[in-house]
Amino acid sequence: MLIGNVALRLKELLEEKTAELGWEIVALEIMHDHVHLVLGTDPDVSPTQVMHALKGYTSRVLRQELPKLRTMPSLWTRSYWVSAEVIQRHIAEQKTRN
């Protein structure tokens, strides 16, 4: 489902929303059925807040713009995955860059 114009528009929406919220997209990969996203946020922003903001916004706009998505019961599931290992590796890499 996340291919072609849908994937391109999703990328634009994620970039818009994260910029609006003052977050930095470190890495983004849109697969056909899920998204890999590494974000830089303020430390007081929880993963739950991030997912709520991004999933809610992108679902609402994509469904408004693309009628074929309105027939789906939901665009996103409630699930998400946060990897402490990936976060730790990213922090370590940042330390070596300075």
N, C-alpha and C. Protein backbone atom coordinates (compact mmCIF):
# COMPACT_ATOMS: atom_id res chain seq x y z
N MET A 1 0.81 -1.18 0.00
CA MET A 1 0.00 0.00 0.00
C MET A 1 0.86 1.26 0.00
N LEU A 2 1.99 1.25 0.67
CA LEU A 2 2.86 2.44 0.76
C LEU A 2 3.85 2.46 -0.39
N ILE A 3 3.33 2.58 -1.60
CA ILE A 3 4.16 2.60 -2.80
C ILE A 3 3.74 3.78 -3.67
N GLY A 4 4.58 4.10 -4.62
CA GLY A 4 4.25 5.14 -5.60
C GLY A 4 3.92 6.47 -4.98
N ASN A 5 2.80 7.04 -5.43
CA ASN A 5 2.38 8.37 -4.96
C ASN A 5 2.03 8.39 -3.48
N VAL A 6 1.53 7.28 -2.97
CA VAL A 6 1.20 7.21 -1.53
C VAL A 6 2.49 7.36 -0.71
N ALA A 7 3.53 6.65 -1.10
CA ALA A 7 4.81 6.73 -0.38
C ALA A 7 5.41 8.13 -0.49
N LEU A 8 5.35 8.71 -1.67
CA LEU A 8 5.89 10.06 -1.85
C LEU A 8 5.14 11.08 -0.99
N ARG A 9 3.81 10.98 -0.99
CA ARG A 9 3.02 11.92 -0.18
C ARG A 9 3.24 11.69 1.30
N LEU A 10 3.35 10.45 1.72
CA LEU A 10 3.63 10.14 3.13
C LEU A 10 4.95 10.77 3.56
N LYS A 11 5.97 10.66 2.74
CA LYS A 11 7.27 11.27 3.04
C LYS A 11 7.13 12.78 3.21
N GLU A 12 6.41 13.43 2.31
CA GLU A 12 6.19 14.88 2.41
C GLU A 12 5.48 15.24 3.70
N LEU A 13 4.44 14.47 4.04
CA LEU A 13 3.67 14.75 5.25
C LEU A 13 4.51 14.57 6.51
N LEU A 14 5.32 13.52 6.54
CA LEU A 14 6.19 13.30 7.70
C LEU A 14 7.20 14.44 7.84
N GLU A 15 7.75 14.88 6.72
CA GLU A 15 8.70 16.00 6.76
C GLU A 15 8.02 17.28 7.23
N GLU A 16 6.81 17.55 6.76
CA GLU A 16 6.07 18.74 7.17
C GLU A 16 5.78 18.72 8.67
N LYS A 17 5.23 17.61 9.15
CA LYS A 17 4.81 17.53 10.55
C LYS A 17 6.00 17.58 11.50
N THR A 18 7.06 16.86 11.16
CA THR A 18 8.22 16.87 12.07
C THR A 18 8.86 18.26 12.10
N ALA A 19 8.90 18.95 10.97
CA ALA A 19 9.45 20.31 10.95
C ALA A 19 8.57 21.24 11.79
N GLU A 20 7.27 21.10 11.65
CA GLU A 20 6.33 21.92 12.42
C GLU A 20 6.54 21.73 13.93
N LEU A 21 6.82 20.50 14.33
CA LEU A 21 6.98 20.18 15.75
C LEU A 21 8.42 20.39 16.25
N GLY A 22 9.32 20.76 15.35
CA GLY A 22 10.70 20.98 15.74
C GLY A 22 11.51 19.71 15.92
N TRP A 23 11.08 18.64 15.27
CA TRP A 23 11.78 17.37 15.34
C TRP A 23 12.63 17.20 14.09
N GLU A 24 13.68 16.39 14.18
CA GLU A 24 14.58 16.17 13.06
C GLU A 24 14.48 14.72 12.58
N ILE A 25 14.23 14.55 11.31
CA ILE A 25 14.26 13.20 10.73
C ILE A 25 15.72 12.85 10.48
N VAL A 26 16.21 11.84 11.19
CA VAL A 26 17.58 11.37 11.03
C VAL A 26 17.64 10.35 9.91
N ALA A 27 16.65 9.48 9.86
CA ALA A 27 16.57 8.46 8.80
C ALA A 27 15.10 8.11 8.58
N LEU A 28 14.77 7.88 7.31
CA LEU A 28 13.39 7.54 6.95
C LEU A 28 13.42 6.56 5.79
N GLU A 29 12.75 5.44 5.96
CA GLU A 29 12.61 4.47 4.88
C GLU A 29 11.17 3.99 4.87
N ILE A 30 10.50 4.18 3.76
CA ILE A 30 9.11 3.76 3.62
C ILE A 30 9.08 2.45 2.85
N MET A 31 8.64 1.41 3.52
CA MET A 31 8.52 0.09 2.92
C MET A 31 7.08 -0.06 2.40
N HIS A 32 6.76 -1.13 1.72
CA HIS A 32 5.41 -1.28 1.17
C HIS A 32 4.34 -1.44 2.24
N ASP A 33 4.72 -1.90 3.43
CA ASP A 33 3.72 -2.12 4.47
C ASP A 33 4.09 -1.56 5.84
N HIS A 34 5.20 -0.83 5.93
CA HIS A 34 5.57 -0.21 7.20
C HIS A 34 6.62 0.86 6.95
N VAL A 35 6.95 1.61 8.00
CA VAL A 35 7.89 2.72 7.89
C VAL A 35 8.98 2.56 8.94
N HIS A 36 10.22 2.81 8.53
CA HIS A 36 11.35 2.89 9.47
C HIS A 36 11.66 4.37 9.63
N LEU A 37 11.68 4.84 10.87
CA LEU A 37 11.87 6.25 11.12
C LEU A 37 12.75 6.44 12.35
N VAL A 38 13.82 7.20 12.19
CA VAL A 38 14.67 7.58 13.31
C VAL A 38 14.52 9.09 13.44
N LEU A 39 14.10 9.53 14.62
CA LEU A 39 13.82 10.94 14.86
C LEU A 39 14.66 11.50 15.98
N GLY A 40 14.96 12.76 15.87
CA GLY A 40 15.56 13.50 16.97
C GLY A 40 14.49 14.43 17.53
N THR A 41 14.18 14.28 18.81
CA THR A 41 13.18 15.12 19.47
C THR A 41 13.76 15.63 20.78
N ASP A 42 13.03 16.52 21.41
CA ASP A 42 13.41 16.93 22.76
C ASP A 42 13.26 15.73 23.69
N PRO A 43 14.05 15.68 24.76
CA PRO A 43 14.00 14.51 25.65
C PRO A 43 12.67 14.35 26.37
N ASP A 44 11.86 15.39 26.43
CA ASP A 44 10.58 15.27 27.13
C ASP A 44 9.45 14.76 26.23
N VAL A 45 9.77 14.43 24.98
CA VAL A 45 8.77 13.89 24.05
C VAL A 45 8.86 12.37 24.07
N SER A 46 7.75 11.73 24.40
CA SER A 46 7.75 10.27 24.49
C SER A 46 7.48 9.64 23.12
N PRO A 47 7.90 8.38 22.95
CA PRO A 47 7.57 7.68 21.70
C PRO A 47 6.06 7.63 21.43
N THR A 48 5.27 7.52 22.48
CA THR A 48 3.82 7.51 22.32
C THR A 48 3.33 8.83 21.73
N GLN A 49 3.86 9.94 22.21
CA GLN A 49 3.48 11.25 21.66
C GLN A 49 3.87 11.37 20.19
N VAL A 50 5.06 10.89 19.86
CA VAL A 50 5.53 10.94 18.48
C VAL A 50 4.59 10.14 17.58
N MET A 51 4.29 8.91 17.96
CA MET A 51 3.44 8.07 17.13
C MET A 51 2.03 8.63 17.00
N HIS A 52 1.50 9.15 18.08
CA HIS A 52 0.16 9.74 18.04
C HIS A 52 0.13 10.91 17.06
N ALA A 53 1.12 11.78 17.14
CA ALA A 53 1.16 12.96 16.28
C ALA A 53 1.34 12.58 14.82
N LEU A 54 2.28 11.70 14.54
CA LEU A 54 2.60 11.37 13.15
C LEU A 54 1.55 10.45 12.51
N LYS A 55 1.12 9.44 13.23
CA LYS A 55 0.12 8.54 12.66
C LYS A 55 -1.22 9.24 12.47
N GLY A 56 -1.62 10.03 13.45
CA GLY A 56 -2.90 10.74 13.35
C GLY A 56 -2.91 11.71 12.19
N TYR A 57 -1.88 12.52 12.09
CA TYR A 57 -1.79 13.52 11.03
C TYR A 57 -1.73 12.88 9.64
N THR A 58 -0.83 11.92 9.47
CA THR A 58 -0.67 11.32 8.14
C THR A 58 -1.91 10.54 7.72
N SER A 59 -2.54 9.85 8.65
CA SER A 59 -3.74 9.10 8.32
C SER A 59 -4.85 10.06 7.88
N ARG A 60 -5.06 11.10 8.63
CA ARG A 60 -6.12 12.06 8.33
C ARG A 60 -5.92 12.68 6.93
N VAL A 61 -4.72 13.18 6.65
CA VAL A 61 -4.46 13.85 5.38
C VAL A 61 -4.49 12.87 4.21
N LEU A 62 -3.85 11.72 4.36
CA LEU A 62 -3.84 10.75 3.27
C LEU A 62 -5.25 10.28 2.92
N ARG A 63 -6.08 10.06 3.92
CA ARG A 63 -7.45 9.63 3.67
C ARG A 63 -8.28 10.73 3.00
N GLN A 64 -8.01 11.98 3.36
CA GLN A 64 -8.71 13.09 2.71
C GLN A 64 -8.31 13.19 1.24
N GLU A 65 -7.04 13.01 0.97
CA GLU A 65 -6.51 13.21 -0.38
C GLU A 65 -6.65 11.99 -1.30
N LEU A 66 -6.68 10.81 -0.73
CA LEU A 66 -6.69 9.58 -1.54
C LEU A 66 -7.91 8.73 -1.18
N PRO A 67 -8.98 8.88 -1.94
CA PRO A 67 -10.24 8.18 -1.63
C PRO A 67 -10.09 6.66 -1.47
N LYS A 68 -9.16 6.04 -2.20
CA LYS A 68 -9.02 4.58 -2.09
C LYS A 68 -8.61 4.14 -0.69
N LEU A 69 -8.01 5.04 0.09
CA LEU A 69 -7.60 4.70 1.45
C LEU A 69 -8.75 4.80 2.44
N ARG A 70 -9.83 5.47 2.06
CA ARG A 70 -10.98 5.62 2.96
C ARG A 70 -11.71 4.31 3.19
N THR A 71 -11.56 3.37 2.29
CA THR A 71 -12.26 2.09 2.43
C THR A 71 -11.61 1.17 3.45
N MET A 72 -10.40 1.50 3.84
CA MET A 72 -9.69 0.67 4.83
C MET A 72 -10.22 0.98 6.22
N PRO A 73 -10.32 -0.04 7.09
CA PRO A 73 -10.79 0.23 8.46
C PRO A 73 -9.88 1.21 9.20
N SER A 74 -8.58 1.12 8.97
CA SER A 74 -7.63 2.08 9.53
C SER A 74 -6.37 2.06 8.67
N LEU A 75 -5.67 3.17 8.66
CA LEU A 75 -4.46 3.24 7.86
C LEU A 75 -3.28 2.66 8.64
N TRP A 76 -3.21 2.94 9.93
CA TRP A 76 -2.11 2.48 10.77
C TRP A 76 -2.63 1.59 11.88
N THR A 77 -1.79 0.69 12.35
CA THR A 77 -2.11 -0.05 13.57
C THR A 77 -1.64 0.80 14.75
N ARG A 78 -1.99 0.39 15.94
CA ARG A 78 -1.54 1.13 17.13
C ARG A 78 -0.12 0.77 17.52
N SER A 79 0.43 -0.24 16.90
CA SER A 79 1.75 -0.72 17.32
C SER A 79 2.88 0.12 16.75
N TYR A 80 3.99 0.09 17.45
CA TYR A 80 5.24 0.69 17.00
C TYR A 80 6.36 0.03 17.78
N TRP A 81 7.57 0.18 17.30
CA TRP A 81 8.71 -0.48 17.93
C TRP A 81 9.81 0.54 18.14
N VAL A 82 10.35 0.57 19.33
CA VAL A 82 11.46 1.46 19.67
C VAL A 82 12.63 0.58 20.06
N SER A 83 13.77 0.79 19.42
CA SER A 83 14.93 -0.05 19.68
C SER A 83 15.96 0.70 20.51
N ALA A 84 16.16 0.26 21.73
CA ALA A 84 17.18 0.86 22.58
C ALA A 84 18.56 0.65 21.98
N GLU A 85 18.79 -0.49 21.35
CA GLU A 85 20.08 -0.78 20.73
C GLU A 85 20.40 0.22 19.61
N VAL A 86 19.42 0.48 18.77
CA VAL A 86 19.63 1.43 17.68
C VAL A 86 19.88 2.83 18.22
N ILE A 87 19.15 3.20 19.24
CA ILE A 87 19.33 4.52 19.86
C ILE A 87 20.72 4.64 20.47
N GLN A 88 21.14 3.63 21.19
CA GLN A 88 22.47 3.65 21.80
C GLN A 88 23.57 3.72 20.74
N ARG A 89 23.42 2.97 19.66
CA ARG A 89 24.41 3.00 18.59
C ARG A 89 24.47 4.39 17.95
N HIS A 90 23.31 4.99 17.74
CA HIS A 90 23.27 6.34 17.16
C HIS A 90 23.95 7.35 18.07
N ILE A 91 23.71 7.26 19.36
CA ILE A 91 24.35 8.18 20.32
C ILE A 91 25.86 7.99 20.30
N ALA A 92 26.31 6.75 20.27
CA ALA A 92 27.75 6.48 20.23
C ALA A 92 28.37 7.04 18.97
N GLU A 93 27.68 6.91 17.84
CA GLU A 93 28.20 7.45 16.58
C GLU A 93 28.29 8.97 16.62
N GLN A 94 27.34 9.59 17.29
CA GLN A 94 27.37 11.05 17.40
C GLN A 94 28.58 11.52 18.21
N LYS A 95 28.91 10.76 19.23
CA LYS A 95 30.07 11.13 20.08
C LYS A 95 31.37 11.07 19.27
N THR A 96 31.47 10.11 18.35
CA THR A 96 32.70 10.00 17.57
C THR A 96 32.79 11.01 16.44
N ARG A 97 31.68 11.66 16.10
CA ARG A 97 31.65 12.64 15.03
C ARG A 97 32.20 13.99 15.49
N ASN A 98 32.21 14.23 16.78
CA ASN A 98 32.64 15.54 17.30
C ASN A 98 34.12 15.62 17.54
